[in-house]
N, C-alpha and C. Protein backbone atom coordinates (compact mmCIF):
# COMPACT_ATOMS: atom_id res chain seq x y z
N MET A 1 27.33 -6.57 -7.72
CA MET A 1 25.86 -6.59 -7.71
C MET A 1 25.35 -6.02 -8.94
N THR A 2 24.54 -6.84 -9.56
CA THR A 2 23.99 -6.32 -10.94
C THR A 2 22.43 -6.63 -10.87
N GLU A 3 21.76 -5.84 -11.54
CA GLU A 3 20.35 -5.89 -11.70
C GLU A 3 20.03 -6.74 -13.08
N PHE A 4 19.10 -7.54 -13.02
CA PHE A 4 18.69 -8.25 -14.14
C PHE A 4 17.19 -8.74 -14.00
N THR A 5 16.58 -9.21 -15.10
CA THR A 5 15.20 -9.78 -15.06
C THR A 5 15.33 -11.29 -15.11
N LEU A 6 14.71 -12.01 -14.18
CA LEU A 6 14.60 -13.38 -14.14
C LEU A 6 13.25 -13.83 -14.59
N THR A 7 13.29 -14.72 -15.57
CA THR A 7 11.98 -15.32 -16.18
C THR A 7 11.83 -16.61 -15.58
N LEU A 8 10.82 -16.92 -14.90
CA LEU A 8 10.51 -18.19 -14.21
C LEU A 8 9.06 -18.69 -14.71
N PRO A 9 8.98 -20.13 -14.87
CA PRO A 9 7.67 -20.64 -15.30
C PRO A 9 6.68 -20.48 -14.18
N ARG A 10 5.54 -20.13 -14.64
CA ARG A 10 4.42 -20.05 -13.64
C ARG A 10 3.81 -21.40 -13.45
N MET A 11 3.69 -21.85 -12.13
CA MET A 11 3.21 -23.11 -11.86
C MET A 11 2.07 -22.90 -10.87
N LYS A 12 1.26 -24.04 -10.72
CA LYS A 12 0.23 -24.09 -9.71
C LYS A 12 0.75 -24.61 -8.45
N LEU A 13 0.53 -23.88 -7.32
CA LEU A 13 0.94 -24.18 -5.97
C LEU A 13 -0.29 -24.56 -5.16
N GLU A 14 -0.04 -25.28 -4.14
CA GLU A 14 -1.20 -25.70 -3.16
C GLU A 14 -0.73 -25.59 -1.75
N CYS A 15 -1.44 -24.98 -0.88
CA CYS A 15 -1.23 -25.07 0.53
C CYS A 15 -1.54 -26.41 1.02
N ARG A 16 -0.62 -27.15 1.77
CA ARG A 16 -0.89 -28.42 2.23
C ARG A 16 -1.96 -28.42 3.44
N ARG A 17 -2.16 -27.30 4.11
CA ARG A 17 -3.09 -27.23 5.20
C ARG A 17 -4.54 -26.95 4.70
N CYS A 18 -4.65 -25.89 3.87
CA CYS A 18 -6.11 -25.48 3.60
C CYS A 18 -6.54 -25.90 2.25
N ARG A 19 -5.43 -26.23 1.34
CA ARG A 19 -5.71 -26.82 0.00
C ARG A 19 -5.95 -25.56 -0.94
N TYR A 20 -5.75 -24.35 -0.53
CA TYR A 20 -5.92 -23.28 -1.45
C TYR A 20 -4.88 -23.42 -2.58
N THR A 21 -5.25 -22.96 -3.72
CA THR A 21 -4.36 -23.09 -4.86
C THR A 21 -4.09 -21.66 -5.48
N TRP A 22 -2.99 -21.55 -6.10
CA TRP A 22 -2.64 -20.17 -6.81
C TRP A 22 -1.51 -20.45 -7.79
N LYS A 23 -1.25 -19.61 -8.65
CA LYS A 23 -0.22 -19.66 -9.66
C LYS A 23 0.86 -18.64 -9.32
N HIS A 24 2.15 -18.97 -9.42
CA HIS A 24 3.17 -18.17 -9.15
C HIS A 24 4.47 -18.60 -9.85
N GLY A 25 5.41 -17.62 -10.25
CA GLY A 25 6.56 -18.09 -10.86
C GLY A 25 7.45 -18.97 -9.91
N VAL A 26 7.94 -20.04 -10.34
CA VAL A 26 8.60 -20.90 -9.55
C VAL A 26 9.95 -21.34 -10.06
N PRO A 27 10.95 -21.17 -9.16
CA PRO A 27 12.40 -21.65 -9.67
C PRO A 27 12.37 -23.21 -9.73
N LEU A 28 12.69 -23.74 -10.88
CA LEU A 28 12.68 -25.15 -11.09
C LEU A 28 14.10 -25.75 -11.49
N TRP A 29 15.13 -24.87 -11.10
CA TRP A 29 16.42 -25.34 -11.55
C TRP A 29 16.91 -26.43 -10.64
N ASP A 30 17.80 -27.35 -11.24
CA ASP A 30 18.25 -28.46 -10.53
C ASP A 30 19.59 -28.21 -9.74
N ARG A 31 19.95 -26.94 -9.59
CA ARG A 31 21.16 -26.61 -8.87
C ARG A 31 20.80 -25.91 -7.55
N GLY A 32 21.82 -25.50 -6.80
CA GLY A 32 21.48 -24.91 -5.51
C GLY A 32 21.48 -23.45 -5.58
N HIS A 33 20.95 -22.76 -6.53
CA HIS A 33 20.88 -21.35 -6.48
C HIS A 33 19.99 -20.92 -5.43
N LEU A 34 20.12 -19.65 -5.00
CA LEU A 34 19.36 -19.04 -3.97
C LEU A 34 18.51 -17.93 -4.45
N LEU A 35 17.27 -17.95 -4.09
CA LEU A 35 16.34 -16.81 -4.57
C LEU A 35 15.56 -16.59 -3.29
N MET A 36 15.64 -15.30 -2.89
CA MET A 36 15.09 -14.86 -1.66
C MET A 36 14.45 -13.41 -1.93
N LYS A 37 13.55 -13.03 -1.01
CA LYS A 37 12.87 -11.67 -1.25
C LYS A 37 12.63 -10.95 0.13
N ARG A 38 12.50 -9.61 0.00
CA ARG A 38 12.26 -8.83 1.08
C ARG A 38 11.31 -7.77 0.61
N GLY A 39 10.05 -7.76 0.96
CA GLY A 39 9.15 -6.85 0.32
C GLY A 39 9.12 -7.04 -1.18
N GLY A 40 9.36 -6.05 -2.02
CA GLY A 40 9.36 -6.14 -3.38
C GLY A 40 10.77 -6.39 -4.03
N LYS A 41 11.86 -6.48 -3.18
CA LYS A 41 13.18 -6.71 -3.66
C LYS A 41 13.49 -8.19 -3.61
N ILE A 42 14.02 -8.70 -4.79
CA ILE A 42 14.45 -10.05 -4.91
C ILE A 42 15.92 -10.20 -5.10
N VAL A 43 16.56 -11.16 -4.41
CA VAL A 43 17.93 -11.36 -4.55
C VAL A 43 18.18 -12.77 -5.12
N TYR A 44 19.21 -12.90 -6.02
CA TYR A 44 19.42 -14.21 -6.61
C TYR A 44 20.93 -14.32 -6.47
N VAL A 45 21.33 -15.57 -6.05
CA VAL A 45 22.77 -15.91 -5.82
C VAL A 45 23.07 -17.24 -6.53
N GLU A 46 23.88 -17.23 -7.42
CA GLU A 46 24.28 -18.51 -8.20
C GLU A 46 25.02 -19.44 -7.17
N ASP A 47 24.87 -20.72 -7.29
CA ASP A 47 25.47 -21.63 -6.39
C ASP A 47 26.95 -21.64 -6.68
N ASP A 48 27.51 -21.25 -7.84
CA ASP A 48 28.95 -21.21 -8.06
C ASP A 48 29.68 -20.19 -7.26
N LEU A 49 28.83 -19.25 -6.57
CA LEU A 49 29.55 -18.34 -5.61
C LEU A 49 30.23 -19.05 -4.48
N GLY A 50 29.56 -20.22 -4.16
CA GLY A 50 30.15 -21.05 -3.03
C GLY A 50 31.64 -21.45 -3.36
N TYR A 51 31.95 -21.71 -4.64
CA TYR A 51 33.33 -22.05 -4.86
C TYR A 51 34.26 -20.92 -4.71
N LEU A 52 33.85 -19.74 -4.99
CA LEU A 52 34.68 -18.53 -4.75
C LEU A 52 34.85 -18.12 -3.36
N LEU A 53 33.81 -18.35 -2.57
CA LEU A 53 33.83 -18.16 -1.10
C LEU A 53 34.36 -19.32 -0.30
N ASP A 54 34.68 -20.39 -0.99
CA ASP A 54 35.17 -21.69 -0.28
C ASP A 54 34.09 -22.21 0.78
N GLU A 55 32.78 -21.79 0.63
CA GLU A 55 31.81 -22.33 1.55
C GLU A 55 30.53 -22.44 0.66
N SER A 56 29.72 -23.35 1.14
CA SER A 56 28.27 -23.45 0.50
C SER A 56 27.60 -22.09 0.82
N ILE A 57 26.76 -21.75 -0.32
CA ILE A 57 25.92 -20.49 -0.20
C ILE A 57 24.96 -20.69 1.02
N ASP A 58 24.53 -21.77 1.33
CA ASP A 58 23.61 -22.12 2.39
C ASP A 58 24.26 -21.74 3.65
N VAL A 59 25.57 -21.80 3.72
CA VAL A 59 26.25 -21.54 5.03
C VAL A 59 26.80 -20.15 5.11
N ALA A 60 27.34 -19.59 3.86
CA ALA A 60 27.93 -18.31 3.91
C ALA A 60 26.89 -17.18 3.55
N VAL A 61 25.91 -17.40 2.78
CA VAL A 61 25.13 -16.34 2.23
C VAL A 61 23.73 -16.32 2.85
N LEU A 62 23.21 -17.52 2.86
CA LEU A 62 21.74 -17.65 3.43
C LEU A 62 21.58 -16.96 4.83
N PRO A 63 22.33 -17.23 5.78
CA PRO A 63 22.18 -16.48 7.14
C PRO A 63 22.34 -14.99 6.95
N LEU A 64 23.27 -14.54 6.10
CA LEU A 64 23.41 -12.99 5.95
C LEU A 64 22.15 -12.44 5.49
N LEU A 65 21.48 -12.98 4.46
CA LEU A 65 20.31 -12.48 3.95
C LEU A 65 19.12 -12.61 4.85
N ARG A 66 19.00 -13.65 5.60
CA ARG A 66 17.92 -13.73 6.65
C ARG A 66 18.22 -12.69 7.68
N GLU A 67 19.44 -12.42 8.15
CA GLU A 67 19.75 -11.40 9.00
C GLU A 67 19.21 -9.98 8.74
N ILE A 68 19.16 -9.83 7.46
CA ILE A 68 18.65 -8.44 6.97
C ILE A 68 17.29 -8.46 6.43
N GLY A 69 16.60 -9.53 6.82
CA GLY A 69 15.05 -9.51 6.58
C GLY A 69 14.67 -10.27 5.28
N TYR A 70 15.48 -11.06 4.59
CA TYR A 70 15.16 -11.70 3.36
C TYR A 70 14.64 -13.10 3.85
N SER A 71 13.54 -13.59 3.07
CA SER A 71 12.93 -14.83 3.38
C SER A 71 12.74 -15.60 2.05
N ALA A 72 12.18 -16.82 2.14
CA ALA A 72 11.90 -17.63 1.07
C ALA A 72 11.17 -16.76 -0.11
N PHE A 73 11.50 -17.17 -1.38
CA PHE A 73 11.02 -16.45 -2.40
C PHE A 73 9.41 -16.64 -2.62
N ILE A 74 8.98 -17.78 -2.37
CA ILE A 74 7.50 -18.08 -2.43
C ILE A 74 6.84 -17.86 -1.08
N ASP A 75 5.88 -16.95 -1.10
CA ASP A 75 5.17 -16.55 0.24
C ASP A 75 4.39 -17.70 0.82
N ALA A 76 4.06 -17.57 2.02
CA ALA A 76 3.20 -18.49 2.71
C ALA A 76 1.87 -18.37 2.08
N CYS A 77 0.92 -19.24 2.28
CA CYS A 77 -0.43 -19.23 1.82
C CYS A 77 -1.12 -17.98 2.27
N SER A 78 -1.84 -17.30 1.28
CA SER A 78 -2.38 -16.06 1.56
C SER A 78 -3.76 -16.21 2.39
N GLN A 79 -4.31 -17.47 2.35
CA GLN A 79 -5.56 -17.74 2.97
C GLN A 79 -5.31 -18.01 4.48
N CYS A 80 -4.30 -18.93 4.79
CA CYS A 80 -4.22 -19.47 6.08
C CYS A 80 -2.80 -19.13 6.75
N GLY A 81 -1.90 -18.64 5.97
CA GLY A 81 -0.53 -18.28 6.44
C GLY A 81 0.47 -19.39 6.55
N HIS A 82 0.05 -20.69 6.23
CA HIS A 82 0.86 -21.82 6.40
C HIS A 82 1.93 -21.80 5.33
N VAL A 83 3.20 -22.19 5.70
CA VAL A 83 4.37 -22.16 4.72
C VAL A 83 4.62 -23.47 4.06
N ASP A 84 3.84 -24.50 4.32
CA ASP A 84 4.13 -25.78 3.64
C ASP A 84 3.34 -25.84 2.34
N ILE A 85 4.07 -25.47 1.21
CA ILE A 85 3.48 -25.36 -0.08
C ILE A 85 3.99 -26.52 -0.92
N ARG A 86 3.06 -26.98 -1.79
CA ARG A 86 3.57 -28.04 -2.74
C ARG A 86 3.26 -27.59 -4.11
N LEU A 87 4.10 -28.09 -5.15
CA LEU A 87 3.89 -27.88 -6.49
C LEU A 87 2.85 -28.74 -6.98
N VAL A 88 1.85 -28.44 -7.77
CA VAL A 88 0.87 -29.25 -8.30
C VAL A 88 1.24 -29.63 -9.75
N ARG A 89 1.51 -30.84 -10.03
CA ARG A 89 1.93 -31.31 -11.32
C ARG A 89 0.90 -32.07 -11.99
N GLY A 90 0.82 -31.99 -13.35
CA GLY A 90 -0.19 -32.73 -14.00
C GLY A 90 0.18 -34.13 -14.26
N LEU A 91 -0.67 -35.08 -14.51
CA LEU A 91 -0.43 -36.52 -14.60
C LEU A 91 0.16 -36.86 -15.94
N LEU A 92 -0.37 -36.28 -17.01
CA LEU A 92 -0.09 -36.61 -18.45
C LEU A 92 0.99 -35.65 -19.02
N ALA A 93 0.76 -34.44 -18.83
CA ALA A 93 1.56 -33.39 -19.51
C ALA A 93 1.70 -32.23 -18.49
N PRO A 94 2.76 -31.59 -18.58
CA PRO A 94 2.99 -30.47 -17.69
C PRO A 94 2.07 -29.28 -18.10
N PRO A 95 1.47 -28.76 -17.15
CA PRO A 95 0.52 -27.47 -17.48
C PRO A 95 1.35 -26.28 -17.98
N ASN A 96 0.72 -25.59 -18.82
CA ASN A 96 1.36 -24.31 -19.22
C ASN A 96 0.58 -23.16 -18.81
N TYR A 97 1.27 -22.49 -17.73
CA TYR A 97 0.63 -21.31 -17.22
C TYR A 97 1.43 -20.10 -17.60
N GLY A 98 2.33 -20.25 -18.57
CA GLY A 98 3.13 -19.13 -19.09
C GLY A 98 4.41 -18.93 -18.17
N THR A 99 4.93 -17.64 -18.33
CA THR A 99 6.05 -17.33 -17.48
C THR A 99 5.86 -16.03 -16.70
N GLU A 100 6.55 -15.72 -15.83
CA GLU A 100 6.61 -14.49 -15.05
C GLU A 100 7.91 -13.87 -14.88
N ASN A 101 8.04 -12.64 -15.09
CA ASN A 101 9.39 -11.95 -14.91
C ASN A 101 9.47 -11.27 -13.67
N PHE A 102 10.70 -11.34 -13.03
CA PHE A 102 10.95 -10.74 -11.79
C PHE A 102 12.14 -9.87 -11.96
N ASP A 103 12.19 -8.67 -11.42
CA ASP A 103 13.35 -7.89 -11.33
C ASP A 103 14.24 -8.36 -10.10
N CYS A 104 15.42 -8.69 -10.37
CA CYS A 104 16.32 -9.22 -9.35
C CYS A 104 17.72 -8.49 -9.20
N THR A 105 18.35 -8.75 -8.06
CA THR A 105 19.68 -8.25 -7.89
C THR A 105 20.51 -9.50 -7.69
N ASN A 106 21.58 -9.59 -8.54
CA ASN A 106 22.43 -10.71 -8.42
C ASN A 106 23.62 -10.35 -7.57
N LEU A 107 23.88 -11.13 -6.59
CA LEU A 107 24.95 -10.95 -5.69
C LEU A 107 26.36 -11.65 -6.36
N ASP A 108 27.38 -11.09 -6.17
CA ASP A 108 28.64 -11.88 -6.67
C ASP A 108 29.74 -11.72 -5.63
N GLU A 109 30.86 -12.26 -5.82
CA GLU A 109 32.02 -12.25 -4.87
C GLU A 109 32.31 -10.84 -4.37
N ASN A 110 32.21 -9.83 -5.25
CA ASN A 110 32.54 -8.50 -4.71
C ASN A 110 31.61 -7.95 -3.73
N ASP A 111 30.56 -8.45 -3.55
CA ASP A 111 29.55 -8.02 -2.51
C ASP A 111 29.84 -8.54 -1.08
N PHE A 112 30.92 -9.33 -0.96
CA PHE A 112 31.31 -9.99 0.38
C PHE A 112 32.61 -9.63 0.72
N ILE A 113 32.82 -9.63 2.07
CA ILE A 113 34.17 -9.42 2.66
C ILE A 113 34.35 -10.47 3.74
N ARG A 114 35.57 -10.89 3.88
CA ARG A 114 35.84 -11.85 5.00
C ARG A 114 36.03 -11.09 6.30
N ALA A 115 35.27 -11.37 7.31
CA ALA A 115 35.64 -10.88 8.68
C ALA A 115 35.90 -12.00 9.61
N GLY A 116 37.20 -12.29 9.79
CA GLY A 116 37.67 -13.35 10.66
C GLY A 116 37.46 -14.55 9.87
N SER A 117 36.67 -15.48 10.32
CA SER A 117 36.41 -16.79 9.81
C SER A 117 35.09 -16.86 9.02
N LYS A 118 34.45 -15.62 9.19
CA LYS A 118 33.06 -15.66 8.47
C LYS A 118 32.92 -14.61 7.29
N TRP A 119 32.09 -14.75 6.59
CA TRP A 119 31.76 -13.75 5.44
C TRP A 119 30.73 -12.69 5.88
N ARG A 120 30.94 -11.52 5.49
CA ARG A 120 29.90 -10.43 5.88
C ARG A 120 29.61 -9.76 4.39
N LEU A 121 28.34 -9.14 4.38
CA LEU A 121 28.13 -8.44 3.16
C LEU A 121 28.87 -7.03 3.37
N ARG A 122 29.38 -6.52 2.19
CA ARG A 122 29.93 -5.21 2.26
C ARG A 122 28.83 -4.20 2.65
N PRO A 123 29.27 -3.14 3.34
CA PRO A 123 28.24 -2.20 3.75
C PRO A 123 27.49 -1.59 2.68
N GLU A 124 28.01 -1.32 1.56
CA GLU A 124 27.26 -0.79 0.39
C GLU A 124 26.37 -1.75 -0.19
N ALA A 125 26.69 -3.06 -0.22
CA ALA A 125 25.64 -4.12 -0.68
C ALA A 125 24.61 -4.26 0.26
N SER A 126 24.85 -4.20 1.64
CA SER A 126 23.86 -4.36 2.57
C SER A 126 22.92 -3.11 2.59
N ASP A 127 23.51 -1.89 2.40
CA ASP A 127 22.67 -0.79 2.30
C ASP A 127 21.73 -0.78 0.99
N ALA A 128 22.26 -1.30 -0.01
CA ALA A 128 21.44 -1.49 -1.29
C ALA A 128 20.34 -2.50 -1.10
N LEU A 129 20.61 -3.52 -0.48
CA LEU A 129 19.67 -4.65 -0.26
C LEU A 129 18.60 -4.18 0.72
N THR A 130 18.89 -3.33 1.63
CA THR A 130 17.87 -2.94 2.58
C THR A 130 17.29 -1.57 2.34
N GLY A 131 17.66 -0.83 1.28
CA GLY A 131 17.11 0.37 0.93
C GLY A 131 17.65 1.56 1.69
N HIS A 132 18.74 1.41 2.40
CA HIS A 132 19.34 2.41 3.14
C HIS A 132 20.37 3.11 2.22
N GLU A 133 20.60 4.36 2.55
CA GLU A 133 21.58 5.20 1.81
C GLU A 133 22.91 4.86 2.46
N ALA A 134 23.88 4.57 1.38
CA ALA A 134 25.27 4.31 1.73
C ALA A 134 25.93 5.54 2.20
N GLY A 135 26.80 5.56 3.12
CA GLY A 135 27.51 6.63 3.58
C GLY A 135 27.57 6.61 5.08
């Protein structure tokens, strides 16, 4: 588990229900990396971890993070609470809204242990991600 700063491009987002728009840092990578948050804590998992765990991160890691309260990185609409959000793109040129930095925790293979046929977070990793004291 390492701490680092992730820089994401700021993009315009729109709620599909109420059409409210806002700008937020958006992961635009073309790989299956995982970015989730819980309160102010953000967790990043590279898709290559799936090769080390011999399972997709969507199968091995995503349920573990949801179990301890992590959810999608981009919040629901602040106006109506709807979670169906779309990225607003320009027709001629991509808009430039700058970038946004996020302090993240990167999980690696050392943060997991096999428990039977499933993977589990190591207790110290789980404690760090939930803000509990290890011990």
